[in-house]
């Protein structure tokens, strides 16, 4: 199986990075890709929250399946 990630491992990985800064690459449809920076704020059973760093301090939510299907890509800041 190699690098195949499951929803459980994705959820665990994100839970382990709560409070960490991330770069978020989200597919906005119709060839639009949004790139934002933010902090993983909270995780729930099927979704997680990211507070964006831009001036609006907006909170966006994504599901773990968004990460699994590559609709959203998360890169943890080092």
C-alpha atoms as a PDB file:
ATOM      1  CA  UNK A   1       0.000   0.000   0.000  1.00  0.00           C
ATOM      2  CA  UNK A   2       2.950   2.326   0.548  1.00  0.00           C
ATOM      3  CA  UNK A   3       1.978   5.971   0.893  1.00  0.00           C
ATOM      4  CA  UNK A   4      -1.777   5.452   0.818  1.00  0.00           C
ATOM      5  CA  UNK A   5      -3.255   7.457   3.683  1.00  0.00           C
ATOM      6  CA  UNK A   6      -6.482   6.602   5.429  1.00  0.00           C
ATOM      7  CA  UNK A   7      -8.969   9.042   6.898  1.00  0.00           C
ATOM      8  CA  UNK A   8      -7.933   7.915  10.384  1.00  0.00           C
ATOM      9  CA  UNK A   9      -4.243   8.615   9.765  1.00  0.00           C
ATOM     10  CA  UNK A  10      -5.025  12.014   8.197  1.00  0.00           C
ATOM     11  CA  UNK A  11      -7.213  12.925  11.193  1.00  0.00           C
ATOM     12  CA  UNK A  12      -4.512  11.819  13.644  1.00  0.00           C
ATOM     13  CA  UNK A  13      -1.853  13.764  11.742  1.00  0.00           C
ATOM     14  CA  UNK A  14      -3.927  16.974  11.785  1.00  0.00           C
ATOM     15  CA  UNK A  15      -4.824  16.500  15.470  1.00  0.00           C
ATOM     16  CA  UNK A  16      -1.102  16.264  16.256  1.00  0.00           C
ATOM     17  CA  UNK A  17      -0.554  19.665  14.605  1.00  0.00           C
ATOM     18  CA  UNK A  18      -3.286  21.709  16.332  1.00  0.00           C
ATOM     19  CA  UNK A  19      -1.860  25.165  17.036  1.00  0.00           C
ATOM     20  CA  UNK A  20       0.776  24.829  14.313  1.00  0.00           C
ATOM     21  CA  UNK A  21       1.087  27.111  11.314  1.00  0.00           C
ATOM     22  CA  UNK A  22       0.270  25.633   7.912  1.00  0.00           C
ATOM     23  CA  UNK A  23       0.144  26.591   4.274  1.00  0.00           C
ATOM     24  CA  UNK A  24      -3.156  25.603   2.745  1.00  0.00           C
ATOM     25  CA  UNK A  25      -3.663  24.907  -0.945  1.00  0.00           C
ATOM     26  CA  UNK A  26      -7.359  24.505  -1.742  1.00  0.00           C
ATOM     27  CA  UNK A  27      -8.995  23.698  -5.048  1.00  0.00           C
ATOM     28  CA  UNK A  28     -11.632  26.362  -5.696  1.00  0.00           C
ATOM     29  CA  UNK A  29     -13.039  24.680  -8.794  1.00  0.00           C
ATOM     30  CA  UNK A  30     -12.819  25.844 -12.396  1.00  0.00           C
ATOM     31  CA  UNK A  31      -9.009  25.776 -12.313  1.00  0.00           C
ATOM     32  CA  UNK A  32      -8.829  28.162  -9.347  1.00  0.00           C
ATOM     33  CA  UNK A  33      -6.445  27.306  -6.547  1.00  0.00           C
ATOM     34  CA  UNK A  34      -6.386  29.288  -3.315  1.00  0.00           C
ATOM     35  CA  UNK A  35      -3.198  29.416  -1.284  1.00  0.00           C
ATOM     36  CA  UNK A  36      -3.471  30.709   2.273  1.00  0.00           C
ATOM     37  CA  UNK A  37      -1.492  30.576   5.473  1.00  0.00           C
ATOM     38  CA  UNK A  38      -3.099  29.899   8.796  1.00  0.00           C
ATOM     39  CA  UNK A  39      -3.115  27.969  12.043  1.00  0.00           C
ATOM     40  CA  UNK A  40      -4.938  24.728  12.748  1.00  0.00           C
ATOM     41  CA  UNK A  41      -7.367  25.854  15.417  1.00  0.00           C
ATOM     42  CA  UNK A  42      -9.506  22.848  16.323  1.00  0.00           C
ATOM     43  CA  UNK A  43     -10.422  19.352  15.177  1.00  0.00           C
ATOM     44  CA  UNK A  44     -13.767  17.608  15.337  1.00  0.00           C
ATOM     45  CA  UNK A  45     -15.039  14.158  14.400  1.00  0.00           C
ATOM     46  CA  UNK A  46     -15.242  14.833  10.661  1.00  0.00           C
ATOM     47  CA  UNK A  47     -13.956  18.400  10.111  1.00  0.00           C
ATOM     48  CA  UNK A  48     -11.131  20.684  11.204  1.00  0.00           C
ATOM     49  CA  UNK A  49     -10.845  24.469  11.497  1.00  0.00           C
ATOM     50  CA  UNK A  50      -8.065  26.703  10.231  1.00  0.00           C
ATOM     51  CA  UNK A  51      -7.800  30.371  11.216  1.00  0.00           C
ATOM     52  CA  UNK A  52      -6.362  32.265   8.248  1.00  0.00           C
ATOM     53  CA  UNK A  53      -3.535  34.747   8.827  1.00  0.00           C
ATOM     54  CA  UNK A  54      -4.819  37.369   6.428  1.00  0.00           C
ATOM     55  CA  UNK A  55      -6.338  40.608   7.677  1.00  0.00           C
ATOM     56  CA  UNK A  56      -9.856  39.188   8.055  1.00  0.00           C
ATOM     57  CA  UNK A  57      -8.780  36.452  10.509  1.00  0.00           C
ATOM     58  CA  UNK A  58     -11.436  34.262   8.892  1.00  0.00           C
ATOM     59  CA  UNK A  59     -11.931  30.659   9.967  1.00  0.00           C
ATOM     60  CA  UNK A  60     -12.344  28.041   7.253  1.00  0.00           C
ATOM     61  CA  UNK A  61     -13.478  24.448   7.717  1.00  0.00           C
ATOM     62  CA  UNK A  62     -12.484  21.385   5.757  1.00  0.00           C
ATOM     63  CA  UNK A  63     -13.236  17.716   6.110  1.00  0.00           C
ATOM     64  CA  UNK A  64     -10.587  15.030   6.395  1.00  0.00           C
ATOM     65  CA  UNK A  65     -11.898  13.555   3.142  1.00  0.00           C
ATOM     66  CA  UNK A  66     -10.956  16.858   1.424  1.00  0.00           C
ATOM     67  CA  UNK A  67      -7.348  16.071   2.344  1.00  0.00           C
ATOM     68  CA  UNK A  68      -7.730  12.422   1.318  1.00  0.00           C
ATOM     69  CA  UNK A  69      -9.025  13.388  -2.149  1.00  0.00           C
ATOM     70  CA  UNK A  70      -6.422  16.177  -2.562  1.00  0.00           C
ATOM     71  CA  UNK A  71      -9.102  18.871  -2.731  1.00  0.00           C
ATOM     72  CA  UNK A  72      -7.058  20.472   0.047  1.00  0.00           C
ATOM     73  CA  UNK A  73      -3.317  20.114   0.581  1.00  0.00           C
ATOM     74  CA  UNK A  74      -1.745  21.024   3.904  1.00  0.00           C
ATOM     75  CA  UNK A  75       1.931  21.810   4.307  1.00  0.00           C
ATOM     76  CA  UNK A  76       3.121  22.128   7.889  1.00  0.00           C
ATOM     77  CA  UNK A  77       5.491  25.021   8.599  1.00  0.00           C
ATOM     78  CA  UNK A  78       8.901  23.887   9.743  1.00  0.00           C
END
